Amino acid sequence: MSSLLPHLKKMQCLASTGFHEIHYAEWGNKTSEKVALCVHGFSRNGRDFDYLAKSLVGAGYRVVCPDLPGRGISDWLPNTGDYNIQNHMQQLIQLIARLDVPHVDWIGTSMGGIIGMALASFDKSPIRNLVINDVGPFIPAPPLTRIKQYLSLMPTFKTRATARNFLRQLLLPFGKITAEQLDHLTDYGFHENATGEFCLSYDPKIVDSFEVKEADLWYIWDTITAPILVIRGADSEVLSRETLEKMCEREHVSSVEFADVAHAPALMDEEQIRTIVEWLKKQY
């Protein structure tokens, strides 16, 4: 990775039990008219987008990558019920308001893509262009059941090396990841607990809010008017090829599929990054 580093910032949000902090990494020129908001998957964090962010900065973007509550270095919430899509939508709208920009280009992986779809469906949405990574308006229940099973593991590790090896196995569906990228994901995917053991960087209680029932969001999809790029891992069970084909029936929807990847493409591979950057350039 290049020496370019983000500014680490935080903001206050309100939940049912009081205020809490959301942390985010901000890259690039604060005065740029092109702003990308990158939103991670259910148990991931904003530093997943570091490689993509550097390329977007090179394309003239200001890039903002938050850790949603209970993930990364953002606060854990005392009330498990506060971990829900509606609250996350409100928190991210508050973040956009804090950035003081009229619109953003949204890049969302899995849950981040669902939140982006929901926000883009509203009248006068600030989302100008929408990139959704391996998720769509229909999600079958079986893969969600499997995801919840591995989310519930929450092992601890006595050494960074064993934690890194566990993460390597866990992220196999993400596709090819270099040793450097795995080190990066290990650095930000774990924290040390009070006894010095390495733990995954998310609140175990978020798993209680993970629903395994079939999701049908076509009523949301059909109201989105922003240009959309849909990314699919060719081996994904979360976003089926059938669902993708139906999504692409709308004229303003483009898609790309990456081989040898399941759910979800890591967006660290040069081809994946180039695809996103070039598509966004075409929108201007």
Protein backbone atom coordinates (compact mmCIF):
# COMPACT_ATOMS: atom_id res chain seq x y z
CA MET A 1 0.00 0.00 0.00
CA SER A 2 1.12 3.58 -0.57
CA SER A 3 1.99 5.91 2.28
CA LEU A 4 -1.31 7.76 1.97
CA LEU A 5 -3.08 7.61 5.33
CA PRO A 6 -6.62 8.59 6.30
CA HIS A 7 -7.72 11.10 8.88
CA LEU A 8 -9.42 9.24 11.72
CA LYS A 9 -12.52 11.02 12.96
CA LYS A 10 -15.56 10.38 15.15
CA MET A 11 -19.06 11.67 15.68
CA GLN A 12 -21.78 11.40 18.31
CA CYS A 13 -25.03 9.56 17.62
CA LEU A 14 -28.01 8.84 19.84
CA ALA A 15 -29.38 5.37 20.60
CA SER A 16 -32.04 4.21 23.05
CA THR A 17 -29.67 4.18 26.04
CA GLY A 18 -27.80 7.40 25.31
CA PHE A 19 -25.11 8.79 23.08
CA HIS A 20 -22.40 6.72 21.42
CA GLU A 21 -19.43 7.34 19.13
CA ILE A 22 -19.08 6.28 15.53
CA HIS A 23 -15.55 6.37 14.14
CA TYR A 24 -14.69 6.80 10.48
CA ALA A 25 -11.66 7.07 8.22
CA GLU A 26 -11.63 10.01 5.82
CA TRP A 27 -9.37 10.17 2.78
CA GLY A 28 -8.57 12.78 0.16
CA ASN A 29 -9.35 16.44 -0.41
CA LYS A 30 -12.11 17.70 1.85
CA THR A 31 -13.19 20.21 -0.80
CA SER A 32 -13.67 17.65 -3.59
CA GLU A 33 -17.09 17.67 -5.19
CA LYS A 34 -16.87 13.89 -5.62
CA VAL A 35 -17.51 12.09 -2.34
CA ALA A 36 -17.61 8.32 -1.88
CA LEU A 37 -19.20 6.78 1.19
CA CYS A 38 -18.09 3.17 1.68
CA VAL A 39 -20.19 1.02 4.02
CA HIS A 40 -19.03 -2.41 5.18
CA GLY A 41 -20.77 -5.74 5.69
CA PHE A 42 -22.47 -7.01 8.82
CA SER A 43 -19.42 -8.01 10.89
CA ARG A 44 -16.72 -6.07 9.04
CA ASN A 45 -15.41 -2.50 9.43
CA GLY A 46 -14.54 0.57 7.40
CA ARG A 47 -10.85 -0.25 7.02
CA ASP A 48 -11.83 -3.03 4.59
CA PHE A 49 -11.96 -0.25 2.00
CA ASP A 50 -8.43 1.13 2.44
CA TYR A 51 -7.17 -0.22 -0.88
CA LEU A 52 -10.21 1.00 -2.79
CA ALA A 53 -10.07 4.37 -0.99
CA LYS A 54 -6.52 5.03 -2.18
CA SER A 55 -7.54 4.48 -5.80
CA LEU A 56 -10.62 6.65 -5.42
CA VAL A 57 -8.49 9.45 -3.98
CA GLY A 58 -6.31 9.12 -7.08
CA ALA A 59 -9.48 9.67 -9.13
CA GLY A 60 -10.20 12.92 -7.28
CA TYR A 61 -12.52 11.60 -4.58
CA ARG A 62 -13.00 12.42 -0.96
CA VAL A 63 -13.66 9.02 0.64
CA VAL A 64 -15.36 8.30 3.95
CA CYS A 65 -15.42 4.81 5.51
CA PRO A 66 -17.31 4.47 8.81
CA ASP A 67 -17.29 1.69 11.39
CA LEU A 68 -20.95 1.10 12.20
CA PRO A 69 -21.82 0.72 15.90
CA GLY A 70 -20.52 -2.50 17.41
CA ARG A 71 -17.86 -2.87 14.72
CA GLY A 72 -14.24 -1.82 14.41
CA ILE A 73 -13.45 0.93 16.91
CA SER A 74 -16.96 2.40 17.13
CA ASP A 75 -18.80 2.05 20.42
CA TRP A 76 -20.64 -1.12 21.35
CA LEU A 77 -24.30 -0.50 22.22
CA PRO A 78 -25.76 -1.67 25.55
CA ASN A 79 -29.16 -2.40 23.99
CA THR A 80 -28.88 -5.17 21.38
CA GLY A 81 -32.11 -3.93 19.82
CA ASP A 82 -30.29 -0.80 18.64
CA TYR A 83 -28.34 -2.89 16.14
CA ASN A 84 -30.79 -2.64 13.26
CA ILE A 85 -30.94 -1.37 9.69
CA GLN A 86 -33.25 1.53 10.50
CA ASN A 87 -30.85 2.91 13.12
CA HIS A 88 -27.87 2.43 10.81
CA MET A 89 -29.71 4.36 8.09
CA GLN A 90 -30.23 7.26 10.51
CA GLN A 91 -26.60 7.18 11.64
CA LEU A 92 -25.31 7.29 8.07
CA ILE A 93 -27.67 10.10 7.08
CA GLN A 94 -26.30 11.99 10.09
CA LEU A 95 -22.78 11.30 8.82
CA ILE A 96 -23.65 12.63 5.36
CA ALA A 97 -25.05 15.77 6.99
CA ARG A 98 -21.83 16.14 8.99
CA LEU A 99 -19.81 15.95 5.77
CA ASP A 100 -21.85 18.93 4.51
CA VAL A 101 -22.17 17.64 0.96
CA PRO A 102 -25.25 17.57 -1.29
CA HIS A 103 -24.69 14.04 -2.57
CA VAL A 104 -22.45 10.98 -2.27
CA ASP A 105 -21.52 8.00 -4.37
CA TRP A 106 -22.39 5.00 -2.20
CA ILE A 107 -20.32 1.79 -2.20
CA GLY A 108 -21.83 -0.87 0.03
CA THR A 109 -20.83 -4.45 0.70
CA SER A 110 -23.59 -6.86 1.73
CA MET A 111 -25.39 -5.10 4.60
CA GLY A 112 -23.85 -1.84 3.42
CA GLY A 113 -25.44 -2.46 0.04
CA ILE A 114 -28.84 -3.11 1.60
CA ILE A 115 -28.63 0.16 3.53
CA GLY A 116 -27.61 1.94 0.34
CA MET A 117 -30.56 0.50 -1.58
CA ALA A 118 -32.95 1.58 1.15
CA LEU A 119 -31.63 5.15 1.29
CA ALA A 120 -31.45 5.46 -2.51
CA SER A 121 -35.13 4.54 -2.76
CA PHE A 122 -36.32 7.76 -1.08
CA ASP A 123 -37.26 10.94 -2.91
CA LYS A 124 -34.42 13.51 -2.99
CA SER A 125 -31.93 10.90 -1.79
CA PRO A 126 -28.35 12.20 -1.45
CA ILE A 127 -27.09 9.04 -3.17
CA ARG A 128 -26.04 10.03 -6.70
CA ASN A 129 -24.49 6.72 -7.81
CA LEU A 130 -24.86 3.34 -6.11
CA VAL A 131 -22.39 0.43 -6.09
CA ILE A 132 -23.67 -2.66 -4.30
CA ASN A 133 -21.35 -5.55 -3.61
CA ASP A 134 -22.84 -9.05 -3.70
CA VAL A 135 -26.30 -8.37 -2.40
CA GLY A 136 -29.65 -7.66 -3.96
CA PRO A 137 -33.38 -7.25 -3.37
CA PHE A 138 -33.89 -10.97 -2.83
CA ILE A 139 -31.83 -13.03 -0.37
CA PRO A 140 -32.71 -16.67 0.34
CA ALA A 141 -32.65 -17.93 3.93
CA PRO A 142 -30.14 -20.85 3.72
CA PRO A 143 -26.97 -18.78 3.14
CA LEU A 144 -28.04 -16.41 5.89
CA THR A 145 -28.30 -19.36 8.26
CA ARG A 146 -24.74 -20.39 7.42
CA ILE A 147 -23.45 -16.84 7.86
CA LYS A 148 -25.04 -16.58 11.30
CA GLN A 149 -23.42 -19.87 12.31
CA TYR A 150 -19.90 -18.62 11.64
CA LEU A 151 -20.65 -15.18 13.07
CA SER A 152 -21.55 -16.90 16.33
CA LEU A 153 -18.16 -18.59 16.71
CA MET A 154 -16.30 -15.65 18.33
CA PRO A 155 -13.11 -17.54 19.25
CA THR A 156 -10.16 -15.92 21.02
CA PHE A 157 -6.50 -16.45 20.14
CA LYS A 158 -3.37 -16.26 22.23
CA THR A 159 -1.17 -15.05 19.34
CA ARG A 160 -1.59 -12.79 16.34
CA ALA A 161 -0.34 -15.60 14.10
CA THR A 162 -3.17 -17.94 15.09
CA ALA A 163 -5.69 -15.11 14.75
CA ARG A 164 -4.34 -14.35 11.28
CA ASN A 165 -4.62 -17.99 10.23
CA PHE A 166 -8.22 -18.16 11.46
CA LEU A 167 -9.06 -15.02 9.49
CA ARG A 168 -7.40 -16.46 6.39
CA GLN A 169 -9.77 -19.45 6.57
CA LEU A 170 -12.78 -17.27 7.36
CA LEU A 171 -12.17 -15.00 4.38
CA LEU A 172 -11.69 -17.71 1.75
CA PRO A 173 -15.02 -16.76 0.10
CA PHE A 174 -13.68 -13.21 -0.42
CA GLY A 175 -11.38 -14.48 -3.17
CA LYS A 176 -7.62 -14.13 -3.56
CA ILE A 177 -6.05 -12.05 -0.80
CA THR A 178 -2.34 -11.33 -0.69
CA ALA A 179 -0.23 -11.76 2.44
CA GLU A 180 -0.06 -7.98 2.78
CA GLN A 181 -3.83 -7.66 2.51
CA LEU A 182 -4.34 -10.43 5.06
CA ASP A 183 -2.01 -8.62 7.45
CA HIS A 184 -4.05 -5.46 6.93
CA LEU A 185 -7.33 -7.27 7.61
CA THR A 186 -5.81 -8.91 10.69
CA ASP A 187 -4.62 -5.55 12.04
CA TYR A 188 -8.12 -4.09 11.83
CA GLY A 189 -10.18 -7.26 12.22
CA PHE A 190 -9.03 -8.07 15.77
CA HIS A 191 -8.55 -6.31 19.07
CA GLU A 192 -6.81 -7.43 22.24
CA ASN A 193 -9.00 -8.11 25.26
CA ALA A 194 -8.11 -7.49 28.91
CA THR A 195 -6.10 -10.72 29.09
CA GLY A 196 -4.09 -9.97 25.94
CA GLU A 197 -5.94 -12.42 23.71
CA PHE A 198 -6.99 -11.53 20.16
CA CYS A 199 -10.74 -11.20 19.58
CA LEU A 200 -12.71 -10.38 16.44
CA SER A 201 -13.47 -6.66 16.26
CA TYR A 202 -17.20 -6.72 16.66
CA ASP A 203 -19.64 -6.91 19.54
CA PRO A 204 -20.84 -10.52 19.90
CA LYS A 205 -24.32 -9.15 20.56
CA ILE A 206 -24.71 -7.98 16.96
CA VAL A 207 -25.27 -11.63 16.03
CA ASP A 208 -28.55 -11.56 17.98
CA SER A 209 -29.85 -8.97 15.50
CA PHE A 210 -28.93 -11.00 12.42
CA GLU A 211 -32.12 -12.28 10.80
CA VAL A 212 -32.04 -15.57 8.87
CA LYS A 213 -35.42 -15.28 7.18
CA GLU A 214 -35.80 -14.80 3.43
CA ALA A 215 -35.57 -11.14 2.40
CA ASP A 216 -37.72 -9.76 -0.41
CA LEU A 217 -36.90 -6.11 -1.12
CA TRP A 218 -38.08 -5.75 -4.72
CA TYR A 219 -40.49 -3.02 -3.64
CA ILE A 220 -37.42 -0.97 -2.66
CA TRP A 221 -35.40 -1.86 -5.73
CA ASP A 222 -38.13 -0.78 -8.13
CA THR A 223 -38.11 2.80 -6.79
CA ILE A 224 -34.36 3.49 -7.13
CA THR A 225 -33.55 5.89 -9.97
CA ALA A 226 -29.81 6.44 -9.41
CA PRO A 227 -27.31 4.66 -11.70
CA ILE A 228 -26.34 1.33 -10.14
CA LEU A 229 -23.39 -1.02 -10.49
CA VAL A 230 -24.01 -4.49 -9.05
CA ILE A 231 -20.98 -6.62 -8.21
CA ARG A 232 -21.38 -10.37 -7.83
CA GLY A 233 -19.03 -13.12 -6.78
CA ALA A 234 -19.56 -15.89 -9.32
CA ASP A 235 -19.91 -18.48 -6.53
CA SER A 236 -22.18 -16.37 -4.34
CA GLU A 237 -25.25 -17.94 -2.74
CA VAL A 238 -26.40 -14.62 -1.27
CA LEU A 239 -26.85 -12.98 -4.68
CA SER A 240 -27.96 -15.59 -7.20
CA ARG A 241 -27.42 -15.18 -10.93
CA GLU A 242 -31.19 -15.32 -11.39
CA THR A 243 -31.67 -12.38 -9.03
CA LEU A 244 -28.87 -10.46 -10.71
CA GLU A 245 -30.44 -10.95 -14.15
CA LYS A 246 -33.75 -9.64 -12.87
CA MET A 247 -32.00 -6.64 -11.30
CA CYS A 248 -30.40 -5.83 -14.64
CA GLU A 249 -33.75 -5.60 -16.42
CA ARG A 250 -33.77 -1.94 -15.42
CA GLU A 251 -31.93 0.34 -17.89
CA HIS A 252 -29.85 2.20 -15.32
CA VAL A 253 -28.35 -0.98 -13.82
CA SER A 254 -24.97 -2.41 -14.83
CA SER A 255 -23.32 -5.52 -13.44
CA VAL A 256 -20.02 -7.34 -13.23
CA GLU A 257 -19.21 -10.82 -12.00
CA PHE A 258 -15.85 -11.97 -10.65
CA ALA A 259 -14.77 -15.59 -10.95
CA ASP A 260 -13.60 -17.74 -8.04
CA VAL A 261 -15.25 -15.51 -5.45
CA ALA A 262 -18.28 -16.18 -3.26
CA HIS A 263 -19.79 -13.78 -0.73
CA ALA A 264 -18.44 -11.18 -0.88
CA PRO A 265 -15.66 -9.87 -3.16
CA ALA A 266 -13.08 -8.17 -0.93
CA LEU A 267 -12.70 -5.15 -3.25
CA MET A 268 -8.94 -5.30 -2.73
CA ASP A 269 -8.10 -6.96 -6.04
CA GLU A 270 -6.81 -4.57 -8.73
CA GLU A 271 -9.44 -5.69 -11.25
CA GLN A 272 -12.28 -5.19 -8.78
CA ILE A 273 -10.99 -1.76 -7.77
CA ARG A 274 -10.44 -0.69 -11.39
CA THR A 275 -13.97 -1.79 -12.31
CA ILE A 276 -15.52 0.40 -9.62
CA VAL A 277 -13.33 3.44 -10.34
CA GLU A 278 -13.88 3.27 -14.11
CA TRP A 279 -17.64 2.85 -13.73
CA LEU A 280 -17.85 5.86 -11.44
CA LYS A 281 -15.80 7.94 -13.89
CA LYS A 282 -18.37 7.19 -16.59
CA GLN A 283 -21.12 8.75 -14.47
CA TYR A 284 -19.54 12.21 -14.70
